[in-house]
C-alpha atoms as a PDB file:
ATOM      1  CA  UNK A   1       7.221  -9.801   5.915  1.00  0.00           C
ATOM      2  CA  UNK A   2      10.071  -8.302   4.099  1.00  0.00           C
ATOM      3  CA  UNK A   3      10.940  -7.905   0.506  1.00  0.00           C
ATOM      4  CA  UNK A   4      10.497 -11.434  -1.872  1.00  0.00           C
ATOM      5  CA  UNK A   5      14.251 -12.237  -2.218  1.00  0.00           C
ATOM      6  CA  UNK A   6      15.342  -9.295  -4.747  1.00  0.00           C
ATOM      7  CA  UNK A   7      11.962  -8.060  -5.189  1.00  0.00           C
ATOM      8  CA  UNK A   8       9.452  -5.951  -3.304  1.00  0.00           C
ATOM      9  CA  UNK A   9       6.756  -8.021  -1.909  1.00  0.00           C
ATOM     10  CA  UNK A  10       2.826  -7.746  -3.848  1.00  0.00           C
ATOM     11  CA  UNK A  11       0.217  -6.386  -1.795  1.00  0.00           C
ATOM     12  CA  UNK A  12      -3.100  -7.333  -3.652  1.00  0.00           C
ATOM     13  CA  UNK A  13      -5.829  -4.650  -3.223  1.00  0.00           C
ATOM     14  CA  UNK A  14      -9.417  -6.114  -2.278  1.00  0.00           C
ATOM     15  CA  UNK A  15     -11.872  -3.122  -1.489  1.00  0.00           C
ATOM     16  CA  UNK A  16     -15.174  -4.577  -0.767  1.00  0.00           C
ATOM     17  CA  UNK A  17     -17.047  -1.125  -1.270  1.00  0.00           C
ATOM     18  CA  UNK A  18     -19.463   0.117  -3.679  1.00  0.00           C
ATOM     19  CA  UNK A  19     -17.929   3.310  -4.140  1.00  0.00           C
ATOM     20  CA  UNK A  20     -13.574   2.920  -4.696  1.00  0.00           C
ATOM     21  CA  UNK A  21     -12.250   4.789  -7.286  1.00  0.00           C
ATOM     22  CA  UNK A  22     -11.337   2.338  -9.384  1.00  0.00           C
ATOM     23  CA  UNK A  23     -13.376  -1.148  -8.890  1.00  0.00           C
ATOM     24  CA  UNK A  24     -15.878   0.098  -7.069  1.00  0.00           C
ATOM     25  CA  UNK A  25     -19.428  -2.248  -6.943  1.00  0.00           C
ATOM     26  CA  UNK A  26     -17.250  -5.279  -8.378  1.00  0.00           C
ATOM     27  CA  UNK A  27     -16.583  -7.109  -5.471  1.00  0.00           C
ATOM     28  CA  UNK A  28     -18.925  -5.694  -2.563  1.00  0.00           C
ATOM     29  CA  UNK A  29     -20.419  -8.937  -2.684  1.00  0.00           C
ATOM     30  CA  UNK A  30     -19.011 -11.777  -0.658  1.00  0.00           C
ATOM     31  CA  UNK A  31     -18.765 -14.246  -3.677  1.00  0.00           C
ATOM     32  CA  UNK A  32     -17.101 -11.819  -6.389  1.00  0.00           C
ATOM     33  CA  UNK A  33     -14.876 -10.586  -3.360  1.00  0.00           C
ATOM     34  CA  UNK A  34     -13.637 -14.269  -2.689  1.00  0.00           C
ATOM     35  CA  UNK A  35     -13.402 -15.000  -6.524  1.00  0.00           C
ATOM     36  CA  UNK A  36     -11.504 -11.811  -6.656  1.00  0.00           C
ATOM     37  CA  UNK A  37      -9.354 -13.249  -3.796  1.00  0.00           C
ATOM     38  CA  UNK A  38      -8.649 -16.553  -5.267  1.00  0.00           C
ATOM     39  CA  UNK A  39      -7.544 -14.677  -8.691  1.00  0.00           C
ATOM     40  CA  UNK A  40      -4.704 -13.144  -6.772  1.00  0.00           C
ATOM     41  CA  UNK A  41      -3.598 -15.810  -4.891  1.00  0.00           C
ATOM     42  CA  UNK A  42      -2.845 -18.039  -8.243  1.00  0.00           C
ATOM     43  CA  UNK A  43      -1.277 -14.521  -9.691  1.00  0.00           C
ATOM     44  CA  UNK A  44       1.407 -14.807  -7.056  1.00  0.00           C
ATOM     45  CA  UNK A  45       0.329 -11.987  -4.296  1.00  0.00           C
ATOM     46  CA  UNK A  46       2.070 -12.453  -0.961  1.00  0.00           C
ATOM     47  CA  UNK A  47      -0.848 -10.619   0.717  1.00  0.00           C
ATOM     48  CA  UNK A  48      -4.057  -8.856   0.423  1.00  0.00           C
ATOM     49  CA  UNK A  49      -5.060  -6.206   1.890  1.00  0.00           C
ATOM     50  CA  UNK A  50      -8.778  -5.531   2.509  1.00  0.00           C
ATOM     51  CA  UNK A  51     -10.730  -2.279   2.316  1.00  0.00           C
ATOM     52  CA  UNK A  52     -14.289  -1.317   3.537  1.00  0.00           C
ATOM     53  CA  UNK A  53     -14.459   2.136   3.421  1.00  0.00           C
ATOM     54  CA  UNK A  54     -12.936   4.215   0.218  1.00  0.00           C
ATOM     55  CA  UNK A  55     -10.674   6.605   0.821  1.00  0.00           C
ATOM     56  CA  UNK A  56     -10.558   8.133  -2.863  1.00  0.00           C
ATOM     57  CA  UNK A  57     -10.545  11.464  -2.915  1.00  0.00           C
ATOM     58  CA  UNK A  58     -13.388  13.303  -2.227  1.00  0.00           C
ATOM     59  CA  UNK A  59     -15.129   9.990  -0.731  1.00  0.00           C
ATOM     60  CA  UNK A  60     -17.145  10.487   2.512  1.00  0.00           C
ATOM     61  CA  UNK A  61     -16.582   7.937   5.779  1.00  0.00           C
ATOM     62  CA  UNK A  62     -18.793   5.362   6.436  1.00  0.00           C
ATOM     63  CA  UNK A  63     -20.202   3.778  10.051  1.00  0.00           C
ATOM     64  CA  UNK A  64     -18.213   1.437  11.671  1.00  0.00           C
ATOM     65  CA  UNK A  65     -21.116  -1.064  11.568  1.00  0.00           C
ATOM     66  CA  UNK A  66     -21.355  -0.715   7.968  1.00  0.00           C
ATOM     67  CA  UNK A  67     -17.631  -1.271   7.532  1.00  0.00           C
ATOM     68  CA  UNK A  68     -17.712  -4.230   9.680  1.00  0.00           C
ATOM     69  CA  UNK A  69     -20.132  -5.695   8.006  1.00  0.00           C
ATOM     70  CA  UNK A  70     -18.268  -5.569   4.399  1.00  0.00           C
ATOM     71  CA  UNK A  71     -14.928  -6.725   6.027  1.00  0.00           C
ATOM     72  CA  UNK A  72     -15.123  -9.402   8.468  1.00  0.00           C
ATOM     73  CA  UNK A  73     -17.279 -12.086   5.916  1.00  0.00           C
ATOM     74  CA  UNK A  74     -14.765 -11.635   3.424  1.00  0.00           C
ATOM     75  CA  UNK A  75     -11.506 -12.455   5.645  1.00  0.00           C
ATOM     76  CA  UNK A  76     -13.319 -15.035   7.356  1.00  0.00           C
ATOM     77  CA  UNK A  77     -13.985 -16.611   3.843  1.00  0.00           C
ATOM     78  CA  UNK A  78     -10.479 -16.118   2.581  1.00  0.00           C
ATOM     79  CA  UNK A  79      -9.268 -17.305   5.417  1.00  0.00           C
ATOM     80  CA  UNK A  80     -11.338 -20.515   4.868  1.00  0.00           C
ATOM     81  CA  UNK A  81      -9.472 -21.435   1.371  1.00  0.00           C
ATOM     82  CA  UNK A  82      -5.642 -20.165   2.543  1.00  0.00           C
ATOM     83  CA  UNK A  83      -3.285 -18.272   4.789  1.00  0.00           C
ATOM     84  CA  UNK A  84      -2.227 -16.253   2.374  1.00  0.00           C
ATOM     85  CA  UNK A  85      -1.463 -13.012   4.546  1.00  0.00           C
ATOM     86  CA  UNK A  86      -4.246 -10.339   5.247  1.00  0.00           C
ATOM     87  CA  UNK A  87      -4.313  -6.716   6.291  1.00  0.00           C
ATOM     88  CA  UNK A  88      -7.142  -4.542   6.893  1.00  0.00           C
ATOM     89  CA  UNK A  89      -7.181  -0.987   5.164  1.00  0.00           C
ATOM     90  CA  UNK A  90      -9.401   1.081   7.745  1.00  0.00           C
ATOM     91  CA  UNK A  91      -8.909   4.299   9.682  1.00  0.00           C
ATOM     92  CA  UNK A  92     -10.680   2.711  12.617  1.00  0.00           C
ATOM     93  CA  UNK A  93      -9.132   1.067  15.522  1.00  0.00           C
ATOM     94  CA  UNK A  94     -12.118  -0.938  16.646  1.00  0.00           C
ATOM     95  CA  UNK A  95     -12.583  -2.260  12.456  1.00  0.00           C
ATOM     96  CA  UNK A  96      -8.838  -2.984  12.762  1.00  0.00           C
ATOM     97  CA  UNK A  97      -9.290  -5.183  15.911  1.00  0.00           C
ATOM     98  CA  UNK A  98     -12.337  -6.946  14.899  1.00  0.00           C
ATOM     99  CA  UNK A  99     -10.306  -7.781  11.603  1.00  0.00           C
ATOM    100  CA  UNK A 100      -7.192  -8.894  13.312  1.00  0.00           C
ATOM    101  CA  UNK A 101      -9.449 -11.024  15.662  1.00  0.00           C
ATOM    102  CA  UNK A 102     -11.181 -12.526  12.394  1.00  0.00           C
ATOM    103  CA  UNK A 103      -7.584 -13.309  11.101  1.00  0.00           C
ATOM    104  CA  UNK A 104      -6.050 -10.149   9.281  1.00  0.00           C
ATOM    105  CA  UNK A 105      -1.831 -10.064  10.321  1.00  0.00           C
ATOM    106  CA  UNK A 106      -1.259  -6.346   9.288  1.00  0.00           C
ATOM    107  CA  UNK A 107      -3.186  -3.025  10.023  1.00  0.00           C
ATOM    108  CA  UNK A 108      -2.864  -0.665   6.964  1.00  0.00           C
ATOM    109  CA  UNK A 109      -3.950   3.171   8.375  1.00  0.00           C
ATOM    110  CA  UNK A 110      -3.807   5.723   5.824  1.00  0.00           C
ATOM    111  CA  UNK A 111      -4.343   8.124   8.683  1.00  0.00           C
ATOM    112  CA  UNK A 112      -1.082   7.247   9.916  1.00  0.00           C
ATOM    113  CA  UNK A 113      -2.373   6.430  13.492  1.00  0.00           C
ATOM    114  CA  UNK A 114      -4.014   9.965  13.777  1.00  0.00           C
ATOM    115  CA  UNK A 115      -7.809   9.231  12.707  1.00  0.00           C
ATOM    116  CA  UNK A 116      -8.876   8.122  16.673  1.00  0.00           C
ATOM    117  CA  UNK A 117      -7.012   8.689  20.113  1.00  0.00           C
ATOM    118  CA  UNK A 118      -7.413   5.016  20.227  1.00  0.00           C
ATOM    119  CA  UNK A 119      -5.412   4.427  17.399  1.00  0.00           C
ATOM    120  CA  UNK A 120      -1.851   4.665  19.022  1.00  0.00           C
ATOM    121  CA  UNK A 121      -3.033   2.291  21.963  1.00  0.00           C
ATOM    122  CA  UNK A 122      -4.911  -0.085  19.195  1.00  0.00           C
ATOM    123  CA  UNK A 123      -1.456  -0.435  17.215  1.00  0.00           C
ATOM    124  CA  UNK A 124       0.266  -1.784  20.145  1.00  0.00           C
ATOM    125  CA  UNK A 125      -2.143  -3.969  21.977  1.00  0.00           C
ATOM    126  CA  UNK A 126      -2.645  -5.903  18.453  1.00  0.00           C
ATOM    127  CA  UNK A 127       1.215  -6.525  18.433  1.00  0.00           C
ATOM    128  CA  UNK A 128       0.788  -6.777  14.500  1.00  0.00           C
ATOM    129  CA  UNK A 129       2.884  -5.434  11.220  1.00  0.00           C
ATOM    130  CA  UNK A 130       0.757  -1.883  11.165  1.00  0.00           C
ATOM    131  CA  UNK A 131       1.850   0.502   8.059  1.00  0.00           C
ATOM    132  CA  UNK A 132       1.604   4.245   9.193  1.00  0.00           C
ATOM    133  CA  UNK A 133       0.738   6.471   5.888  1.00  0.00           C
ATOM    134  CA  UNK A 134       1.263   9.803   5.165  1.00  0.00           C
ATOM    135  CA  UNK A 135      -1.935  12.444   4.246  1.00  0.00           C
ATOM    136  CA  UNK A 136      -2.522  15.577   4.606  1.00  0.00           C
ATOM    137  CA  UNK A 137      -6.197  16.340   5.470  1.00  0.00           C
ATOM    138  CA  UNK A 138      -8.628  13.572   4.805  1.00  0.00           C
ATOM    139  CA  UNK A 139     -10.296  11.915   1.933  1.00  0.00           C
ATOM    140  CA  UNK A 140     -13.185  14.313   1.541  1.00  0.00           C
ATOM    141  CA  UNK A 141     -11.037  17.286   1.404  1.00  0.00           C
ATOM    142  CA  UNK A 142      -7.353  16.169   0.859  1.00  0.00           C
ATOM    143  CA  UNK A 143      -6.882  17.183  -2.757  1.00  0.00           C
ATOM    144  CA  UNK A 144      -8.930  20.498  -2.845  1.00  0.00           C
ATOM    145  CA  UNK A 145      -5.374  22.721  -2.433  1.00  0.00           C
ATOM    146  CA  UNK A 146      -2.356  20.734  -0.794  1.00  0.00           C
ATOM    147  CA  UNK A 147       0.656  22.823  -0.330  1.00  0.00           C
ATOM    148  CA  UNK A 148       4.124  21.969   0.849  1.00  0.00           C
ATOM    149  CA  UNK A 149       6.937  24.308   1.130  1.00  0.00           C
ATOM    150  CA  UNK A 150       9.256  21.215   0.672  1.00  0.00           C
ATOM    151  CA  UNK A 151       7.155  18.188   0.295  1.00  0.00           C
ATOM    152  CA  UNK A 152       9.942  15.687   0.920  1.00  0.00           C
ATOM    153  CA  UNK A 153      11.282  16.781   3.883  1.00  0.00           C
ATOM    154  CA  UNK A 154       7.755  17.423   5.260  1.00  0.00           C
ATOM    155  CA  UNK A 155       6.325  14.267   4.329  1.00  0.00           C
ATOM    156  CA  UNK A 156       9.408  11.947   5.860  1.00  0.00           C
ATOM    157  CA  UNK A 157       9.631  14.333   8.860  1.00  0.00           C
ATOM    158  CA  UNK A 158       5.989  13.743   9.796  1.00  0.00           C
ATOM    159  CA  UNK A 159       6.028   9.572   8.799  1.00  0.00           C
ATOM    160  CA  UNK A 160       9.622  10.085  11.446  1.00  0.00           C
ATOM    161  CA  UNK A 161       7.567  11.665  14.024  1.00  0.00           C
ATOM    162  CA  UNK A 162       4.292   9.168  13.660  1.00  0.00           C
ATOM    163  CA  UNK A 163       7.150   6.291  13.824  1.00  0.00           C
ATOM    164  CA  UNK A 164       8.440   7.914  16.994  1.00  0.00           C
ATOM    165  CA  UNK A 165       4.821   8.095  18.687  1.00  0.00           C
ATOM    166  CA  UNK A 166       4.023   4.864  17.728  1.00  0.00           C
ATOM    167  CA  UNK A 167       7.112   3.903  19.120  1.00  0.00           C
ATOM    168  CA  UNK A 168       6.747   5.514  22.515  1.00  0.00           C
ATOM    169  CA  UNK A 169       2.693   4.349  22.857  1.00  0.00           C
ATOM    170  CA  UNK A 170       4.047   0.854  22.658  1.00  0.00           C
ATOM    171  CA  UNK A 171       4.229  -0.472  19.104  1.00  0.00           C
ATOM    172  CA  UNK A 172       7.528  -2.201  18.518  1.00  0.00           C
ATOM    173  CA  UNK A 173       9.662  -0.915  15.976  1.00  0.00           C
ATOM    174  CA  UNK A 174      10.207  -4.308  13.704  1.00  0.00           C
ATOM    175  CA  UNK A 175       6.137  -3.991  13.449  1.00  0.00           C
ATOM    176  CA  UNK A 176       6.180   0.013  11.614  1.00  0.00           C
ATOM    177  CA  UNK A 177       5.855   0.048   8.001  1.00  0.00           C
ATOM    178  CA  UNK A 178       5.792   3.067   6.222  1.00  0.00           C
ATOM    179  CA  UNK A 179       4.193   4.766   3.566  1.00  0.00           C
ATOM    180  CA  UNK A 180       4.677   7.963   1.692  1.00  0.00           C
ATOM    181  CA  UNK A 181       1.201   8.426   0.592  1.00  0.00           C
ATOM    182  CA  UNK A 182       1.265   8.973  -2.934  1.00  0.00           C
ATOM    183  CA  UNK A 183      -1.892  11.191  -4.092  1.00  0.00           C
ATOM    184  CA  UNK A 184      -2.997  11.664  -0.790  1.00  0.00           C
ATOM    185  CA  UNK A 185      -3.129  15.484  -0.440  1.00  0.00           C
ATOM    186  CA  UNK A 186      -0.636  15.721  -3.024  1.00  0.00           C
ATOM    187  CA  UNK A 187      -0.475  17.274  -6.111  1.00  0.00           C
ATOM    188  CA  UNK A 188       1.649  15.442  -9.057  1.00  0.00           C
ATOM    189  CA  UNK A 189       4.875  17.401  -8.051  1.00  0.00           C
ATOM    190  CA  UNK A 190       4.782  16.422  -5.023  1.00  0.00           C
ATOM    191  CA  UNK A 191       4.252  12.854  -5.773  1.00  0.00           C
ATOM    192  CA  UNK A 192       7.195  12.702  -8.108  1.00  0.00           C
ATOM    193  CA  UNK A 193       9.487  14.296  -5.465  1.00  0.00           C
ATOM    194  CA  UNK A 194       8.633  11.832  -3.355  1.00  0.00           C
ATOM    195  CA  UNK A 195       8.803   9.167  -5.847  1.00  0.00           C
ATOM    196  CA  UNK A 196      12.137  10.445  -6.324  1.00  0.00           C
ATOM    197  CA  UNK A 197      13.713  10.574  -2.839  1.00  0.00           C
ATOM    198  CA  UNK A 198      11.953   6.771  -1.832  1.00  0.00           C
ATOM    199  CA  UNK A 199      15.813   5.693  -0.975  1.00  0.00           C
ATOM    200  CA  UNK A 200      15.866   8.543   1.880  1.00  0.00           C
ATOM    201  CA  UNK A 201      12.432   7.140   3.366  1.00  0.00           C
ATOM    202  CA  UNK A 202      14.521   3.647   3.067  1.00  0.00           C
ATOM    203  CA  UNK A 203      17.632   5.508   5.353  1.00  0.00           C
ATOM    204  CA  UNK A 204      14.440   5.917   8.418  1.00  0.00           C
ATOM    205  CA  UNK A 205      14.682   2.079   8.604  1.00  0.00           C
ATOM    206  CA  UNK A 206      11.549   0.644   8.324  1.00  0.00           C
ATOM    207  CA  UNK A 207      10.444  -1.166   5.923  1.00  0.00           C
ATOM    208  CA  UNK A 208       8.155   0.907   3.068  1.00  0.00           C
ATOM    209  CA  UNK A 209       5.107   0.191   1.414  1.00  0.00           C
ATOM    210  CA  UNK A 210       4.357   2.087  -1.693  1.00  0.00           C
ATOM    211  CA  UNK A 211       0.870   2.404  -2.961  1.00  0.00           C
ATOM    212  CA  UNK A 212       0.881   3.837  -6.780  1.00  0.00           C
ATOM    213  CA  UNK A 213      -1.509   1.326  -8.403  1.00  0.00           C
ATOM    214  CA  UNK A 214      -4.038   3.441 -10.855  1.00  0.00           C
ATOM    215  CA  UNK A 215      -3.528   6.477  -9.586  1.00  0.00           C
ATOM    216  CA  UNK A 216      -4.690  10.269 -10.940  1.00  0.00           C
ATOM    217  CA  UNK A 217      -0.901  10.403 -11.258  1.00  0.00           C
ATOM    218  CA  UNK A 218      -0.816   8.391 -13.787  1.00  0.00           C
ATOM    219  CA  UNK A 219      -3.458  10.500 -15.561  1.00  0.00           C
ATOM    220  CA  UNK A 220      -1.716  13.766 -14.476  1.00  0.00           C
ATOM    221  CA  UNK A 221       1.064  12.312 -17.022  1.00  0.00           C
ATOM    222  CA  UNK A 222      -0.913  10.935 -19.489  1.00  0.00           C
ATOM    223  CA  UNK A 223      -4.293  12.386 -19.800  1.00  0.00           C
ATOM    224  CA  UNK A 224      -5.591   9.993 -21.770  1.00  0.00           C
ATOM    225  CA  UNK A 225      -5.841   7.528 -19.343  1.00  0.00           C
ATOM    226  CA  UNK A 226      -9.539   8.812 -17.795  1.00  0.00           C
ATOM    227  CA  UNK A 227     -10.316   5.654 -17.140  1.00  0.00           C
ATOM    228  CA  UNK A 228      -8.415   4.162 -13.612  1.00  0.00           C
ATOM    229  CA  UNK A 229      -8.219   0.563 -15.713  1.00  0.00           C
ATOM    230  CA  UNK A 230      -6.379   2.448 -18.692  1.00  0.00           C
ATOM    231  CA  UNK A 231      -3.885   3.067 -16.000  1.00  0.00           C
ATOM    232  CA  UNK A 232      -1.722  -0.351 -16.240  1.00  0.00           C
ATOM    233  CA  UNK A 233       1.235   0.665 -17.680  1.00  0.00           C
ATOM    234  CA  UNK A 234       2.068   3.788 -15.405  1.00  0.00           C
ATOM    235  CA  UNK A 235       1.357   1.953 -12.469  1.00  0.00           C
ATOM    236  CA  UNK A 236       4.467  -0.629 -13.236  1.00  0.00           C
ATOM    237  CA  UNK A 237       6.219   1.590 -14.228  1.00  0.00           C
ATOM    238  CA  UNK A 238       6.176   3.597 -10.960  1.00  0.00           C
ATOM    239  CA  UNK A 239       6.039   0.158  -8.953  1.00  0.00           C
ATOM    240  CA  UNK A 240       9.491  -0.684 -10.765  1.00  0.00           C
ATOM    241  CA  UNK A 241      10.803   2.616  -9.949  1.00  0.00           C
ATOM    242  CA  UNK A 242       9.885   1.833  -6.082  1.00  0.00           C
ATOM    243  CA  UNK A 243      11.423  -1.207  -6.544  1.00  0.00           C
ATOM    244  CA  UNK A 244      14.345   0.039  -7.712  1.00  0.00           C
ATOM    245  CA  UNK A 245      14.583   2.632  -4.972  1.00  0.00           C
ATOM    246  CA  UNK A 246      14.047  -0.348  -2.808  1.00  0.00           C
ATOM    247  CA  UNK A 247      11.054  -0.512  -1.106  1.00  0.00           C
ATOM    248  CA  UNK A 248       9.910  -3.208   0.333  1.00  0.00           C
ATOM    249  CA  UNK A 249       6.098  -3.920  -0.687  1.00  0.00           C
ATOM    250  CA  UNK A 250       4.419  -2.593  -3.663  1.00  0.00           C
ATOM    251  CA  UNK A 251       0.252  -2.427  -2.943  1.00  0.00           C
ATOM    252  CA  UNK A 252      -1.539  -3.175  -6.447  1.00  0.00           C
ATOM    253  CA  UNK A 253      -4.999  -3.789  -8.053  1.00  0.00           C
ATOM    254  CA  UNK A 254      -3.330  -5.467 -11.038  1.00  0.00           C
ATOM    255  CA  UNK A 255      -1.305  -8.822  -9.472  1.00  0.00           C
ATOM    256  CA  UNK A 256      -0.747 -11.103 -12.079  1.00  0.00           C
ATOM    257  CA  UNK A 257       1.033  -8.401 -14.304  1.00  0.00           C
ATOM    258  CA  UNK A 258       2.867  -6.574 -11.371  1.00  0.00           C
ATOM    259  CA  UNK A 259       4.078 -10.160 -10.457  1.00  0.00           C
ATOM    260  CA  UNK A 260       5.738 -10.927 -13.437  1.00  0.00           C
ATOM    261  CA  UNK A 261       7.065  -7.374 -14.492  1.00  0.00           C
ATOM    262  CA  UNK A 262       8.599  -7.360 -10.957  1.00  0.00           C
ATOM    263  CA  UNK A 263      10.157 -11.329 -11.948  1.00  0.00           C
ATOM    264  CA  UNK A 264      11.524  -9.846 -15.180  1.00  0.00           C
ATOM    265  CA  UNK A 265      13.377  -6.945 -13.399  1.00  0.00           C
ATOM    266  CA  UNK A 266      14.812  -8.770 -10.646  1.00  0.00           C
ATOM    267  CA  UNK A 267      15.831 -11.384 -13.556  1.00  0.00           C
ATOM    268  CA  UNK A 268      17.667  -8.788 -15.476  1.00  0.00           C
ATOM    269  CA  UNK A 269      19.037  -7.207 -12.041  1.00  0.00           C
ATOM    270  CA  UNK A 270      20.989 -10.858 -11.984  1.00  0.00           C
ATOM    271  CA  UNK A 271      21.914 -10.670 -15.242  1.00  0.00           C
ATOM    272  CA  UNK A 272      23.921  -7.466 -15.198  1.00  0.00           C
ATOM    273  CA  UNK A 273      25.338  -8.441 -11.857  1.00  0.00           C
ATOM    274  CA  UNK A 274      26.550 -11.810 -13.513  1.00  0.00           C
ATOM    275  CA  UNK A 275      27.798  -9.462 -16.540  1.00  0.00           C
ATOM    276  CA  UNK A 276      29.335  -7.183 -14.261  1.00  0.00           C
ATOM    277  CA  UNK A 277      31.422  -9.763 -12.192  1.00  0.00           C
ATOM    278  CA  UNK A 278      32.621 -11.021 -15.660  1.00  0.00           C
ATOM    279  CA  UNK A 279      33.505  -7.850 -16.841  1.00  0.00           C
ATOM    280  CA  UNK A 280      35.717  -7.679 -13.614  1.00  0.00           C
ATOM    281  CA  UNK A 281      37.473 -11.167 -14.041  1.00  0.00           C
ATOM    282  CA  UNK A 282      38.432 -10.073 -17.993  1.00  0.00           C
ATOM    283  CA  UNK A 283      35.682 -12.241 -19.382  1.00  0.00           C
ATOM    284  CA  UNK A 284      33.921 -10.819 -22.576  1.00  0.00           C
ATOM    285  CA  UNK A 285      30.308  -9.873 -22.304  1.00  0.00           C
END
């Protein structure tokens, strides 16, 4: 999985939890989750990320069996209606294994394969693409007082180290994705610095997933956006900024709007290239 032509892939978020920061409880029932998956497919999602445990700031962990009961029926139901690639958003290796057996094709691990001693061996054994995300601390406490001397250097160095650890454990290099973890143990200034340096993360040679949808970063810039559903404008701005920096996929709640924004952004980019070529050939533009 790579960029969709000139634009990043769009990963739709499907949280089947009662306490997600943005849409907690809306899709916790199977029929509602399946209906949302259909909407995202119709809207042009390239893949869907399914999560059964909230990782919002302050979230408490759930038991493995609870997480499995939430995600496995949803994966099975979506597999019945289409072949869109599915990602499992989990810190737990056992959940990742069960989800891949049920039909998931990617493991999105916000702990960067550090939550369990079995994480790295499981990633190697599964053989599917795995997203290695940076998170400082754990969801329950990560926003208490995050500090960095140099957020870009520290986060990118940690991601490179985690990627190397995965390769050493047997994960194929072409299966590794990186995610800077915007909002995961980071203040506004840290998030903005990481966004500005996304092209430097690409230099490491791995595809990059960017998750900025409805994040508190938007509210930190625009205090009127208290409700996560009021952060669409900011989410789109960050998504387009990431696209311009070369990220390979963007994880979003608002699939239709993001797909449209990226299509228009790509069309404008093509028009700009055409104008530059014509100008270089002496045509008036």
